[in-house]
């Protein structure tokens, strides 16, 4: 009996020491610590806690979901995406939307191909436009020249006729004074009449010349058409 007491006492001491040593935390406690870390924004340590809880309960969908959330928040979408995909079909309905959002966020984005440059449209040929002064229309300047020439010519003819009449009156004058007065008047009328006739003829000739030139130009058209294979404009004239 005395020899067994040390053995029994030693066993009790070992059992007490063993009871004093902390054992591994249960999965629920690890997950709770993970939630606290997640809410505090410490996603890396939260992911570590959810992974440890998942090691103890590998089939716990809630732990998998929180692990994927922590990895995604910690910019580790490459590790979070396969976890999301593994629980997408079996997760509770209230978490389905978040799982789909996590899959969409972590899925690789398709690279859009470079846009194919669109060639510029070919220029539309412009219709032929007649040059100015054509179509037989008389310009304002030409009309003024015609009118002015007609007036000058008419005035010149009237003055010449008056000069001729006054010349006859001078011959019939009764005194030298009347003769000189009528003769000077007749001479002035002759000069002014000649100038009026000359100006009228000159203006009329210039007006008819301008009409001739305008009529000739009315048969000229200018058109712009695109050259083959490019957008260069080519000048074409038709006579």
Protein backbone atom coordinates (compact mmCIF):
# COMPACT_ATOMS: atom_id res chain seq x y z
CA UNK A 1 0.00 0.00 0.00
CA UNK A 2 2.77 2.37 0.89
CA UNK A 3 4.60 1.63 -2.35
CA UNK A 4 1.51 2.49 -4.48
CA UNK A 5 0.94 5.95 -2.98
CA UNK A 6 3.75 7.68 -4.97
CA UNK A 7 2.36 6.15 -8.19
CA UNK A 8 -1.17 7.33 -7.48
CA UNK A 9 0.05 10.77 -6.47
CA UNK A 10 2.19 11.05 -9.60
CA UNK A 11 -0.80 10.09 -11.78
CA UNK A 12 -2.95 12.75 -10.15
CA UNK A 13 -0.26 15.40 -10.70
CA UNK A 14 0.09 14.45 -14.38
CA UNK A 15 -3.68 14.55 -14.85
CA UNK A 16 -3.86 17.96 -13.21
CA UNK A 17 -1.04 19.32 -15.35
CA UNK A 18 -2.72 17.90 -18.42
CA UNK A 19 -6.04 19.50 -17.43
CA UNK A 20 -4.27 22.87 -16.96
CA UNK A 21 -2.87 22.83 -20.56
CA UNK A 22 -5.24 24.60 -23.04
CA UNK A 23 -6.49 22.37 -25.83
CA UNK A 24 -7.41 23.33 -29.43
CA UNK A 25 -10.34 25.72 -29.75
CA UNK A 26 -13.52 24.29 -31.23
CA UNK A 27 -14.45 25.31 -34.77
CA UNK A 28 -17.24 27.59 -33.57
CA UNK A 29 -14.86 29.66 -31.44
CA UNK A 30 -12.41 29.98 -34.32
CA UNK A 31 -15.20 31.10 -36.60
CA UNK A 32 -16.37 33.67 -34.03
CA UNK A 33 -12.86 35.12 -33.84
CA UNK A 34 -12.82 35.20 -37.63
CA UNK A 35 -16.08 37.17 -37.69
CA UNK A 36 -14.66 39.70 -35.21
CA UNK A 37 -11.51 40.13 -37.29
CA UNK A 38 -13.61 40.44 -40.48
CA UNK A 39 -15.76 43.17 -38.96
CA UNK A 40 -12.60 44.96 -37.81
CA UNK A 41 -11.28 44.97 -41.39
CA UNK A 42 -8.47 42.48 -40.69
CA UNK A 43 -9.32 40.21 -43.60
CA UNK A 44 -6.02 38.30 -43.73
CA UNK A 45 -6.27 37.09 -40.12
CA UNK A 46 -10.00 36.50 -40.52
CA UNK A 47 -9.29 34.21 -43.48
CA UNK A 48 -6.76 32.34 -41.36
CA UNK A 49 -9.34 31.77 -38.60
CA UNK A 50 -12.03 30.58 -41.04
CA UNK A 51 -9.51 28.22 -42.63
CA UNK A 52 -8.68 26.71 -39.23
CA UNK A 53 -12.38 26.32 -38.46
CA UNK A 54 -12.86 24.70 -41.86
CA UNK A 55 -10.02 22.27 -41.16
CA UNK A 56 -12.04 21.03 -38.18
CA UNK A 57 -15.37 21.01 -40.08
CA UNK A 58 -14.54 20.58 -43.79
CA UNK A 59 -18.18 20.41 -44.90
CA UNK A 60 -19.37 23.58 -43.18
CA UNK A 61 -20.71 25.79 -46.01
CA UNK A 62 -20.93 28.83 -43.75
CA UNK A 63 -17.20 28.63 -42.97
CA UNK A 64 -16.43 28.26 -46.67
CA UNK A 65 -18.55 31.28 -47.50
CA UNK A 66 -16.91 33.46 -44.85
CA UNK A 67 -13.46 32.24 -45.94
CA UNK A 68 -14.22 33.22 -49.55
CA UNK A 69 -15.54 36.61 -48.42
CA UNK A 70 -12.40 37.26 -46.36
CA UNK A 71 -10.10 36.26 -49.22
CA UNK A 72 -11.96 38.49 -51.69
CA UNK A 73 -11.89 41.45 -49.31
CA UNK A 74 -8.17 40.84 -48.85
CA UNK A 75 -7.62 41.12 -52.64
CA UNK A 76 -7.11 37.38 -53.08
CA UNK A 77 -9.76 36.69 -55.69
CA UNK A 78 -7.67 33.89 -57.19
CA UNK A 79 -8.14 31.88 -53.97
CA UNK A 80 -11.71 33.04 -53.30
CA UNK A 81 -13.17 32.21 -56.73
CA UNK A 82 -12.91 28.39 -56.54
CA UNK A 83 -14.45 28.44 -53.04
CA UNK A 84 -17.40 30.54 -54.27
CA UNK A 85 -17.88 28.17 -57.19
CA UNK A 86 -17.79 25.09 -54.94
CA UNK A 87 -20.67 26.33 -52.76
CA UNK A 88 -22.74 28.19 -55.40
CA UNK A 89 -25.20 25.34 -55.88
CA UNK A 90 -25.56 24.28 -52.21
CA UNK A 91 -25.44 27.60 -50.33
CA UNK A 92 -28.56 28.92 -48.55
CA UNK A 93 -30.81 31.14 -50.62
CA UNK A 94 -30.06 34.24 -48.51
CA UNK A 95 -26.35 33.95 -49.39
CA UNK A 96 -26.82 33.06 -53.06
CA UNK A 97 -26.88 36.67 -54.23
CA UNK A 98 -23.64 37.48 -52.40
CA UNK A 99 -21.98 34.36 -53.79
CA UNK A 100 -23.01 35.28 -57.34
CA UNK A 101 -21.71 38.81 -56.79
CA UNK A 102 -18.40 37.44 -55.48
CA UNK A 103 -18.06 35.13 -58.50
CA UNK A 104 -18.78 38.01 -60.87
CA UNK A 105 -16.25 40.25 -59.14
CA UNK A 106 -13.50 37.65 -59.02
CA UNK A 107 -14.03 36.22 -62.50
CA UNK A 108 -11.43 37.34 -65.07
CA UNK A 109 -12.73 40.20 -67.18
CA UNK A 110 -12.72 39.51 -70.94
CA UNK A 111 -10.26 41.64 -72.85
CA UNK A 112 -12.02 43.60 -75.54
CA UNK A 113 -10.31 43.37 -78.94
CA UNK A 114 -8.82 46.49 -80.38
CA UNK A 115 -11.41 48.35 -82.43
CA UNK A 116 -10.96 48.05 -86.14
CA UNK A 117 -10.46 51.52 -87.57
CA UNK A 118 -13.27 52.55 -89.87
CA UNK A 119 -12.04 53.94 -93.17
CA UNK A 120 -13.23 57.46 -93.88
CA UNK A 121 -16.15 57.65 -96.28
CA UNK A 122 -15.37 58.54 -99.85
CA UNK A 123 -16.18 62.15 -100.64
CA UNK A 124 -19.42 62.67 -102.52
CA UNK A 125 -18.92 64.25 -105.92
CA UNK A 126 -20.29 67.74 -106.01
CA UNK A 127 -22.65 68.58 -108.86
CA UNK A 128 -21.36 70.84 -111.57
CA UNK A 129 -21.96 74.46 -110.76
CA UNK A 130 -22.17 77.07 -113.51
CA UNK A 131 -19.67 79.90 -113.20
CA UNK A 132 -20.82 83.33 -112.19
CA UNK A 133 -22.27 85.58 -114.89
CA UNK A 134 -23.69 82.70 -116.94
CA UNK A 135 -27.14 81.72 -118.05
CA UNK A 136 -27.61 84.80 -120.24
CA UNK A 137 -28.34 87.03 -117.24
CA UNK A 138 -27.09 90.63 -117.49
CA UNK A 139 -25.18 91.78 -114.43
CA UNK A 140 -26.02 94.98 -112.62
CA UNK A 141 -22.84 96.68 -113.84
CA UNK A 142 -23.60 95.83 -117.45
CA UNK A 143 -27.18 97.10 -117.10
CA UNK A 144 -25.91 100.39 -115.65
CA UNK A 145 -23.46 100.78 -118.51
CA UNK A 146 -26.22 100.17 -121.04
CA UNK A 147 -28.50 102.68 -119.34
CA UNK A 148 -25.78 105.29 -118.99
CA UNK A 149 -24.69 104.85 -122.59
CA UNK A 150 -28.26 105.28 -123.82
CA UNK A 151 -28.74 108.45 -121.79
CA UNK A 152 -25.41 109.92 -122.94
CA UNK A 153 -26.13 109.07 -126.56
CA UNK A 154 -29.62 110.59 -126.39
CA UNK A 155 -28.36 113.74 -124.70
CA UNK A 156 -25.59 114.09 -127.27
CA UNK A 157 -28.01 113.79 -130.18
CA UNK A 158 -30.32 116.40 -128.63
CA UNK A 159 -27.40 118.80 -128.11
CA UNK A 160 -26.19 118.30 -131.68
CA UNK A 161 -29.66 119.01 -133.01
CA UNK A 162 -29.90 122.09 -130.82
CA UNK A 163 -26.50 123.26 -132.01
CA UNK A 164 -27.57 122.85 -135.63
CA UNK A 165 -30.75 124.84 -134.99
CA UNK A 166 -28.90 127.63 -133.16
CA UNK A 167 -26.35 127.76 -135.94
CA UNK A 168 -29.17 128.70 -138.32
CA UNK A 169 -30.42 131.28 -135.84
CA UNK A 170 -26.97 132.84 -135.72
CA UNK A 171 -26.99 133.32 -139.45
CA UNK A 172 -30.29 135.17 -139.12
CA UNK A 173 -29.10 137.42 -136.28
CA UNK A 174 -29.71 141.17 -136.66
CA UNK A 175 -26.69 142.32 -134.74
CA UNK A 176 -23.14 141.28 -134.16
CA UNK A 177 -23.82 140.78 -130.47
CA UNK A 178 -26.71 138.39 -131.16
CA UNK A 179 -24.64 136.55 -133.70
CA UNK A 180 -21.73 136.05 -131.34
CA UNK A 181 -23.99 135.01 -128.47
CA UNK A 182 -25.93 132.49 -130.55
CA UNK A 183 -22.78 131.27 -132.26
CA UNK A 184 -20.98 130.65 -128.93
CA UNK A 185 -23.99 128.76 -127.66
CA UNK A 186 -24.15 126.67 -130.77
CA UNK A 187 -20.44 125.84 -130.53
CA UNK A 188 -20.81 124.75 -126.91
CA UNK A 189 -23.76 122.55 -127.81
CA UNK A 190 -21.78 120.99 -130.66
CA UNK A 191 -18.91 120.13 -128.31
CA UNK A 192 -21.15 118.78 -125.56
CA UNK A 193 -23.26 116.85 -128.05
CA UNK A 194 -20.19 115.24 -129.58
CA UNK A 195 -18.92 114.25 -126.15
CA UNK A 196 -22.34 112.79 -125.24
CA UNK A 197 -22.53 110.77 -128.46
CA UNK A 198 -18.97 109.49 -128.00
CA UNK A 199 -19.61 108.55 -124.35
CA UNK A 200 -22.87 106.82 -125.26
CA UNK A 201 -21.26 104.80 -128.05
CA UNK A 202 -18.29 103.86 -125.82
CA UNK A 203 -20.47 102.73 -122.92
CA UNK A 204 -22.74 100.78 -125.26
CA UNK A 205 -19.76 99.03 -126.84
CA UNK A 206 -18.35 98.07 -123.44
CA UNK A 207 -21.73 96.78 -122.29
CA UNK A 208 -22.17 94.63 -125.39
CA UNK A 209 -18.63 93.28 -124.94
CA UNK A 210 -19.41 92.27 -121.36
CA UNK A 211 -22.60 90.57 -122.50
CA UNK A 212 -20.60 88.63 -125.07
CA UNK A 213 -18.05 87.51 -122.47
CA UNK A 214 -20.76 86.52 -119.98
CA UNK A 215 -22.55 84.50 -122.65
CA UNK A 216 -19.34 82.67 -123.46
CA UNK A 217 -18.66 81.90 -119.80
CA UNK A 218 -22.18 80.55 -119.37
CA UNK A 219 -21.08 77.48 -121.35
CA UNK A 220 -18.35 76.68 -118.82
CA UNK A 221 -19.04 74.44 -115.80
CA UNK A 222 -16.76 73.33 -113.00
CA UNK A 223 -17.24 69.96 -111.29
CA UNK A 224 -15.31 68.19 -108.50
CA UNK A 225 -15.12 64.38 -108.59
CA UNK A 226 -13.05 62.02 -106.37
CA UNK A 227 -10.04 60.40 -107.98
CA UNK A 228 -10.04 56.57 -108.01
CA UNK A 229 -8.49 55.03 -104.89
CA UNK A 230 -8.47 58.15 -102.78
CA UNK A 231 -10.19 61.27 -101.68
CA UNK A 232 -8.29 63.73 -103.90
CA UNK A 233 -10.55 66.13 -105.77
CA UNK A 234 -9.97 66.54 -109.50
CA UNK A 235 -11.04 69.66 -111.38
CA UNK A 236 -13.00 68.91 -114.53
CA UNK A 237 -14.08 71.60 -116.97
CA UNK A 238 -16.64 71.18 -119.71
CA UNK A 239 -16.81 73.61 -122.61
